[in-house]
Amino acid sequence: MGEPTILILAAGRSARMRGADKLLMQVDGVAQLRRIALAALATGCPVLVALAPEQTARRAAIHDLPVRVVVVADADEGMAASIRAGVRALPLVGPVMIVPADMPALGEADLQVLIAVQGAQPGMILRGAAQGRPGHPVIFPPDLVGALQGLTGDAGARELIARHADRVQLVPLPRQNAVLDLDTPEEWAEWLRNREAESRGKQ
């Protein structure tokens, strides 16, 4: 069935950041959106990034990367709009990996784990998980990609996954990588402090 196309969902509004943009927060000196795009590209898979038309600063953060930007004209609807736009733009008929752009602990190694499992379990819905708690990324097999076109609202593909619960396989990822997202300035500040302290402790 071939490698998945990676769809990075980056059209959200950062509504709880009180004017800041969580996708432009610096992680190891790199904007979060650029960091996750680089991680996706490092897998060797095709990469799409879904952005709202007015998100010029986010587009600038990845302007020099070999990703395809998908414009989500109806991004205000929520996550489903980004997924629909991304699926319409898929360059190949095959599996798709959906990666929210706001998960700062996800890295290339995590994506590669799911890609390896997908090669062995091509008909399954694969979900990254932390200690049994389902999270992201999620890989959809080719026969379910068309159903992503029918999604609505801000619940993403939750309902589709529930309808095919018998085909869901959780893929354990290290620590909280699969579930950690940060939505407020306070959450970002605390996570960055802890990350810095942990880094100093390893020196």
C-alpha atoms as a PDB file:
ATOM      1  CA  MET A   1       0.000   0.000   0.000  1.00  0.00           C
ATOM      2  CA  GLY A   2       3.022   2.274   0.254  1.00  0.00           C
ATOM      3  CA  GLU A   3       4.068   4.934   2.708  1.00  0.00           C
ATOM      4  CA  PRO A   4       1.527   7.275   4.276  1.00  0.00           C
ATOM      5  CA  THR A   5       1.137  10.904   3.389  1.00  0.00           C
ATOM      6  CA  ILE A   6       1.538  13.020   6.523  1.00  0.00           C
ATOM      7  CA  LEU A   7      -1.094  15.711   7.037  1.00  0.00           C
ATOM      8  CA  ILE A   8      -0.152  18.315   9.654  1.00  0.00           C
ATOM      9  CA  LEU A   9      -3.157  20.175  11.040  1.00  0.00           C
ATOM     10  CA  ALA A  10      -2.013  23.758  11.603  1.00  0.00           C
ATOM     11  CA  ALA A  11      -5.077  25.917  10.901  1.00  0.00           C
ATOM     12  CA  GLY A  12      -6.263  26.281  14.518  1.00  0.00           C
ATOM     13  CA  ARG A  13      -6.640  29.699  16.095  1.00  0.00           C
ATOM     14  CA  SER A  14      -4.591  29.395  19.329  1.00  0.00           C
ATOM     15  CA  ALA A  15      -7.615  30.957  20.995  1.00  0.00           C
ATOM     16  CA  ARG A  16      -6.435  30.304  24.549  1.00  0.00           C
ATOM     17  CA  MET A  17      -2.966  31.787  24.019  1.00  0.00           C
ATOM     18  CA  ARG A  18      -4.215  35.371  24.597  1.00  0.00           C
ATOM     19  CA  GLY A  19      -2.610  36.836  21.505  1.00  0.00           C
ATOM     20  CA  ALA A  20       0.411  34.532  21.216  1.00  0.00           C
ATOM     21  CA  ASP A  21       0.633  31.745  18.636  1.00  0.00           C
ATOM     22  CA  LYS A  22       1.441  28.340  20.071  1.00  0.00           C
ATOM     23  CA  LEU A  23       2.666  27.089  16.700  1.00  0.00           C
ATOM     24  CA  LEU A  24       5.319  29.799  16.684  1.00  0.00           C
ATOM     25  CA  MET A  25       6.524  29.046  20.224  1.00  0.00           C
ATOM     26  CA  GLN A  26      10.207  28.185  20.239  1.00  0.00           C
ATOM     27  CA  VAL A  27      11.224  24.611  21.025  1.00  0.00           C
ATOM     28  CA  ASP A  28      15.011  24.215  21.035  1.00  0.00           C
ATOM     29  CA  GLY A  29      15.220  27.462  19.094  1.00  0.00           C
ATOM     30  CA  VAL A  30      12.796  26.377  16.373  1.00  0.00           C
ATOM     31  CA  ALA A  31       9.162  27.400  15.926  1.00  0.00           C
ATOM     32  CA  GLN A  32       6.904  24.496  16.877  1.00  0.00           C
ATOM     33  CA  LEU A  33       5.267  24.333  13.443  1.00  0.00           C
ATOM     34  CA  ARG A  34       8.630  24.208  11.706  1.00  0.00           C
ATOM     35  CA  ARG A  35       9.887  21.615  14.203  1.00  0.00           C
ATOM     36  CA  ILE A  36       7.007  19.208  13.560  1.00  0.00           C
ATOM     37  CA  ALA A  37       7.243  19.792   9.793  1.00  0.00           C
ATOM     38  CA  LEU A  38      10.949  18.922   9.878  1.00  0.00           C
ATOM     39  CA  ALA A  39      10.191  15.793  11.891  1.00  0.00           C
ATOM     40  CA  ALA A  40       7.599  14.739   9.322  1.00  0.00           C
ATOM     41  CA  LEU A  41       9.926  15.418   6.396  1.00  0.00           C
ATOM     42  CA  ALA A  42      12.677  13.373   8.049  1.00  0.00           C
ATOM     43  CA  THR A  43      10.510  10.258   7.654  1.00  0.00           C
ATOM     44  CA  GLY A  44      10.764  10.564   3.883  1.00  0.00           C
ATOM     45  CA  CYS A  45       6.975  10.655   3.481  1.00  0.00           C
ATOM     46  CA  PRO A  46       5.118  13.374   1.522  1.00  0.00           C
ATOM     47  CA  VAL A  47       4.028  16.154   3.879  1.00  0.00           C
ATOM     48  CA  LEU A  48       0.994  18.454   3.669  1.00  0.00           C
ATOM     49  CA  VAL A  49       0.409  21.363   6.065  1.00  0.00           C
ATOM     50  CA  ALA A  50      -3.133  22.693   6.481  1.00  0.00           C
ATOM     51  CA  LEU A  51      -3.251  26.457   7.147  1.00  0.00           C
ATOM     52  CA  ALA A  52      -5.947  29.130   7.160  1.00  0.00           C
ATOM     53  CA  PRO A  53      -5.513  31.811   4.459  1.00  0.00           C
ATOM     54  CA  GLU A  54      -4.545  34.615   6.848  1.00  0.00           C
ATOM     55  CA  GLN A  55      -1.924  32.665   8.803  1.00  0.00           C
ATOM     56  CA  THR A  56       1.010  34.306   7.052  1.00  0.00           C
ATOM     57  CA  ALA A  57       3.414  34.078   9.993  1.00  0.00           C
ATOM     58  CA  ARG A  58       2.925  30.332  10.179  1.00  0.00           C
ATOM     59  CA  ARG A  59       3.413  30.015   6.440  1.00  0.00           C
ATOM     60  CA  ALA A  60       6.621  32.046   6.743  1.00  0.00           C
ATOM     61  CA  ALA A  61       7.930  29.627   9.378  1.00  0.00           C
ATOM     62  CA  ILE A  62       7.902  26.787   6.818  1.00  0.00           C
ATOM     63  CA  HIS A  63       8.260  28.722   3.556  1.00  0.00           C
ATOM     64  CA  ASP A  64      11.574  27.106   2.645  1.00  0.00           C
ATOM     65  CA  LEU A  65      10.595  23.528   3.449  1.00  0.00           C
ATOM     66  CA  PRO A  66       9.501  21.013   0.795  1.00  0.00           C
ATOM     67  CA  VAL A  67       5.986  20.697   2.155  1.00  0.00           C
ATOM     68  CA  ARG A  68       2.730  21.403   0.360  1.00  0.00           C
ATOM     69  CA  VAL A  69       0.596  24.037   2.049  1.00  0.00           C
ATOM     70  CA  VAL A  70      -3.135  23.323   1.859  1.00  0.00           C
ATOM     71  CA  VAL A  71      -5.309  26.408   2.356  1.00  0.00           C
ATOM     72  CA  VAL A  72      -8.330  25.777   4.577  1.00  0.00           C
ATOM     73  CA  ALA A  73     -10.850  28.444   3.607  1.00  0.00           C
ATOM     74  CA  ASP A  74     -13.394  27.294   6.195  1.00  0.00           C
ATOM     75  CA  ALA A  75     -10.959  26.764   9.076  1.00  0.00           C
ATOM     76  CA  ASP A  76     -13.335  28.395  11.560  1.00  0.00           C
ATOM     77  CA  GLU A  77     -15.485  25.249  11.400  1.00  0.00           C
ATOM     78  CA  GLY A  78     -12.820  23.337  13.288  1.00  0.00           C
ATOM     79  CA  MET A  79     -10.523  20.395  12.807  1.00  0.00           C
ATOM     80  CA  ALA A  80     -12.766  18.591  10.326  1.00  0.00           C
ATOM     81  CA  ALA A  81     -12.344  21.369   7.772  1.00  0.00           C
ATOM     82  CA  SER A  82      -8.568  20.942   7.850  1.00  0.00           C
ATOM     83  CA  ILE A  83      -8.853  17.192   7.488  1.00  0.00           C
ATOM     84  CA  ARG A  84     -11.242  17.511   4.531  1.00  0.00           C
ATOM     85  CA  ALA A  85      -8.990  20.031   2.774  1.00  0.00           C
ATOM     86  CA  GLY A  86      -5.946  17.863   3.355  1.00  0.00           C
ATOM     87  CA  VAL A  87      -7.609  14.710   2.071  1.00  0.00           C
ATOM     88  CA  ARG A  88      -8.732  16.531  -1.092  1.00  0.00           C
ATOM     89  CA  ALA A  89      -5.108  17.512  -1.686  1.00  0.00           C
ATOM     90  CA  LEU A  90      -3.576  14.077  -1.137  1.00  0.00           C
ATOM     91  CA  PRO A  91      -1.073  13.382  -3.905  1.00  0.00           C
ATOM     92  CA  LEU A  92      -1.485   9.606  -3.730  1.00  0.00           C
ATOM     93  CA  VAL A  93      -4.156   7.022  -3.008  1.00  0.00           C
ATOM     94  CA  GLY A  94      -2.851   5.438   0.154  1.00  0.00           C
ATOM     95  CA  PRO A  95      -2.784   5.730   3.926  1.00  0.00           C
ATOM     96  CA  VAL A  96      -2.758   9.129   5.617  1.00  0.00           C
ATOM     97  CA  MET A  97      -1.175  10.046   8.940  1.00  0.00           C
ATOM     98  CA  ILE A  98      -2.875  12.930  10.745  1.00  0.00           C
ATOM     99  CA  VAL A  99      -0.571  14.936  13.012  1.00  0.00           C
ATOM    100  CA  PRO A 100      -1.796  17.915  15.059  1.00  0.00           C
ATOM    101  CA  ALA A 101       0.800  20.683  14.802  1.00  0.00           C
ATOM    102  CA  ASP A 102       0.566  21.684  18.470  1.00  0.00           C
ATOM    103  CA  MET A 103       2.126  18.610  20.106  1.00  0.00           C
ATOM    104  CA  PRO A 104       5.627  19.682  21.150  1.00  0.00           C
ATOM    105  CA  ALA A 105       6.839  16.295  22.393  1.00  0.00           C
ATOM    106  CA  LEU A 106       6.176  14.427  19.140  1.00  0.00           C
ATOM    107  CA  GLY A 107       9.251  13.821  17.046  1.00  0.00           C
ATOM    108  CA  GLU A 108      10.513  11.921  14.039  1.00  0.00           C
ATOM    109  CA  ALA A 109      11.104   8.752  16.058  1.00  0.00           C
ATOM    110  CA  ASP A 110       7.451   8.678  17.132  1.00  0.00           C
ATOM    111  CA  LEU A 111       6.236   9.082  13.561  1.00  0.00           C
ATOM    112  CA  GLN A 112       8.606   6.357  12.399  1.00  0.00           C
ATOM    113  CA  VAL A 113       7.225   3.946  15.006  1.00  0.00           C
ATOM    114  CA  LEU A 114       3.717   4.300  13.575  1.00  0.00           C
ATOM    115  CA  ILE A 115       4.967   4.055   9.988  1.00  0.00           C
ATOM    116  CA  ALA A 116       6.733   0.780  10.822  1.00  0.00           C
ATOM    117  CA  VAL A 117       3.593  -0.666  12.400  1.00  0.00           C
ATOM    118  CA  GLN A 118       1.526   0.480   9.424  1.00  0.00           C
ATOM    119  CA  GLY A 119       3.761  -1.546   7.139  1.00  0.00           C
ATOM    120  CA  ALA A 120       2.931  -4.664   9.142  1.00  0.00           C
ATOM    121  CA  GLN A 121      -0.732  -3.823   9.866  1.00  0.00           C
ATOM    122  CA  PRO A 122      -1.875  -1.957   6.723  1.00  0.00           C
ATOM    123  CA  GLY A 123      -5.603  -2.371   7.323  1.00  0.00           C
ATOM    124  CA  MET A 124      -5.685  -0.999  10.857  1.00  0.00           C
ATOM    125  CA  ILE A 125      -6.356   2.463  12.271  1.00  0.00           C
ATOM    126  CA  LEU A 126      -3.186   3.149  14.237  1.00  0.00           C
ATOM    127  CA  ARG A 127      -3.174   5.594  17.145  1.00  0.00           C
ATOM    128  CA  GLY A 128      -0.189   6.765  19.119  1.00  0.00           C
ATOM    129  CA  ALA A 129      -0.775   6.137  22.811  1.00  0.00           C
ATOM    130  CA  ALA A 130       0.695   6.993  26.219  1.00  0.00           C
ATOM    131  CA  GLN A 131       0.281   4.333  28.904  1.00  0.00           C
ATOM    132  CA  GLY A 132      -2.827   3.039  27.160  1.00  0.00           C
ATOM    133  CA  ARG A 133      -4.351   6.480  26.633  1.00  0.00           C
ATOM    134  CA  PRO A 134      -5.120   7.054  22.924  1.00  0.00           C
ATOM    135  CA  GLY A 135      -3.630  10.106  21.298  1.00  0.00           C
ATOM    136  CA  HIS A 136      -1.785  11.082  18.114  1.00  0.00           C
ATOM    137  CA  PRO A 137      -0.616  10.642  15.440  1.00  0.00           C
ATOM    138  CA  VAL A 138      -3.345   8.578  13.778  1.00  0.00           C
ATOM    139  CA  ILE A 139      -2.867   6.611  10.555  1.00  0.00           C
ATOM    140  CA  PHE A 140      -5.963   5.789   8.509  1.00  0.00           C
ATOM    141  CA  PRO A 141      -5.790   2.941   5.966  1.00  0.00           C
ATOM    142  CA  PRO A 142      -6.650   3.717   2.344  1.00  0.00           C
ATOM    143  CA  ASP A 143     -10.182   2.312   2.470  1.00  0.00           C
ATOM    144  CA  LEU A 144     -11.165   4.805   5.194  1.00  0.00           C
ATOM    145  CA  VAL A 145      -9.491   7.897   3.757  1.00  0.00           C
ATOM    146  CA  GLY A 146     -12.544   8.705   1.633  1.00  0.00           C
ATOM    147  CA  ALA A 147     -14.728   8.748   4.752  1.00  0.00           C
ATOM    148  CA  LEU A 148     -12.582  11.588   6.137  1.00  0.00           C
ATOM    149  CA  GLN A 149     -14.185  13.804   3.488  1.00  0.00           C
ATOM    150  CA  GLY A 150     -17.479  13.577   5.340  1.00  0.00           C
ATOM    151  CA  LEU A 151     -16.238  14.868   8.694  1.00  0.00           C
ATOM    152  CA  THR A 152     -17.827  17.945  10.270  1.00  0.00           C
ATOM    153  CA  GLY A 153     -17.223  20.100  13.336  1.00  0.00           C
ATOM    154  CA  ASP A 154     -14.265  20.267  15.709  1.00  0.00           C
ATOM    155  CA  ALA A 155     -14.158  16.658  16.907  1.00  0.00           C
ATOM    156  CA  GLY A 156     -11.832  15.618  14.111  1.00  0.00           C
ATOM    157  CA  ALA A 157     -12.128  11.971  13.164  1.00  0.00           C
ATOM    158  CA  ARG A 158     -13.348  10.810  16.592  1.00  0.00           C
ATOM    159  CA  GLU A 159     -16.700   9.541  15.308  1.00  0.00           C
ATOM    160  CA  LEU A 160     -15.123   7.705  12.378  1.00  0.00           C
ATOM    161  CA  ILE A 161     -12.670   6.020  14.731  1.00  0.00           C
ATOM    162  CA  ALA A 162     -15.520   5.020  17.051  1.00  0.00           C
ATOM    163  CA  ARG A 163     -17.442   3.456  14.153  1.00  0.00           C
ATOM    164  CA  HIS A 164     -14.443   1.274  13.356  1.00  0.00           C
ATOM    165  CA  ALA A 165     -13.343   0.534  16.913  1.00  0.00           C
ATOM    166  CA  ASP A 166     -12.658  -3.081  15.972  1.00  0.00           C
ATOM    167  CA  ARG A 167      -9.902  -1.882  13.646  1.00  0.00           C
ATOM    168  CA  VAL A 168      -8.169   0.464  16.089  1.00  0.00           C
ATOM    169  CA  GLN A 169      -4.724  -0.496  17.335  1.00  0.00           C
ATOM    170  CA  LEU A 170      -2.937   1.593  19.943  1.00  0.00           C
ATOM    171  CA  VAL A 171       0.773   2.071  19.341  1.00  0.00           C
ATOM    172  CA  PRO A 172       2.700   2.901  22.535  1.00  0.00           C
ATOM    173  CA  LEU A 173       4.979   5.925  22.289  1.00  0.00           C
ATOM    174  CA  PRO A 174       7.450   7.088  24.955  1.00  0.00           C
ATOM    175  CA  ARG A 175       6.416   9.192  27.916  1.00  0.00           C
ATOM    176  CA  GLN A 176       3.523  11.578  27.143  1.00  0.00           C
ATOM    177  CA  ASN A 177       4.554  12.191  23.525  1.00  0.00           C
ATOM    178  CA  ALA A 178       1.248  10.983  22.082  1.00  0.00           C
ATOM    179  CA  VAL A 179      -1.026  13.095  24.291  1.00  0.00           C
ATOM    180  CA  LEU A 180       0.838  16.247  25.319  1.00  0.00           C
ATOM    181  CA  ASP A 181      -0.603  19.427  23.859  1.00  0.00           C
ATOM    182  CA  LEU A 182      -0.225  22.888  25.325  1.00  0.00           C
ATOM    183  CA  ASP A 183      -2.975  25.466  24.915  1.00  0.00           C
ATOM    184  CA  THR A 184      -2.143  28.373  27.253  1.00  0.00           C
ATOM    185  CA  PRO A 185       0.918  30.570  27.891  1.00  0.00           C
ATOM    186  CA  GLU A 186       1.144  29.108  31.392  1.00  0.00           C
ATOM    187  CA  GLU A 187       1.216  25.534  30.102  1.00  0.00           C
ATOM    188  CA  TRP A 188       3.918  26.431  27.607  1.00  0.00           C
ATOM    189  CA  ALA A 189       6.010  28.250  30.224  1.00  0.00           C
ATOM    190  CA  GLU A 190       5.824  25.326  32.659  1.00  0.00           C
ATOM    191  CA  TRP A 191       6.672  22.742  29.999  1.00  0.00           C
ATOM    192  CA  LEU A 192       9.637  24.753  28.719  1.00  0.00           C
ATOM    193  CA  ARG A 193      10.941  25.229  32.290  1.00  0.00           C
ATOM    194  CA  ASN A 194      10.684  21.515  32.973  1.00  0.00           C
ATOM    195  CA  ARG A 195      12.328  20.694  29.670  1.00  0.00           C
ATOM    196  CA  GLU A 196      15.227  23.027  30.408  1.00  0.00           C
ATOM    197  CA  ALA A 197      15.652  21.624  33.921  1.00  0.00           C
ATOM    198  CA  GLU A 198      15.650  18.077  32.580  1.00  0.00           C
ATOM    199  CA  SER A 199      18.215  18.995  29.952  1.00  0.00           C
ATOM    200  CA  ARG A 200      20.502  20.525  32.603  1.00  0.00           C
ATOM    201  CA  GLY A 201      20.123  17.414  34.722  1.00  0.00           C
ATOM    202  CA  LYS A 202      21.468  15.245  31.891  1.00  0.00           C
ATOM    203  CA  GLN A 203      24.616  17.332  31.471  1.00  0.00           C
END
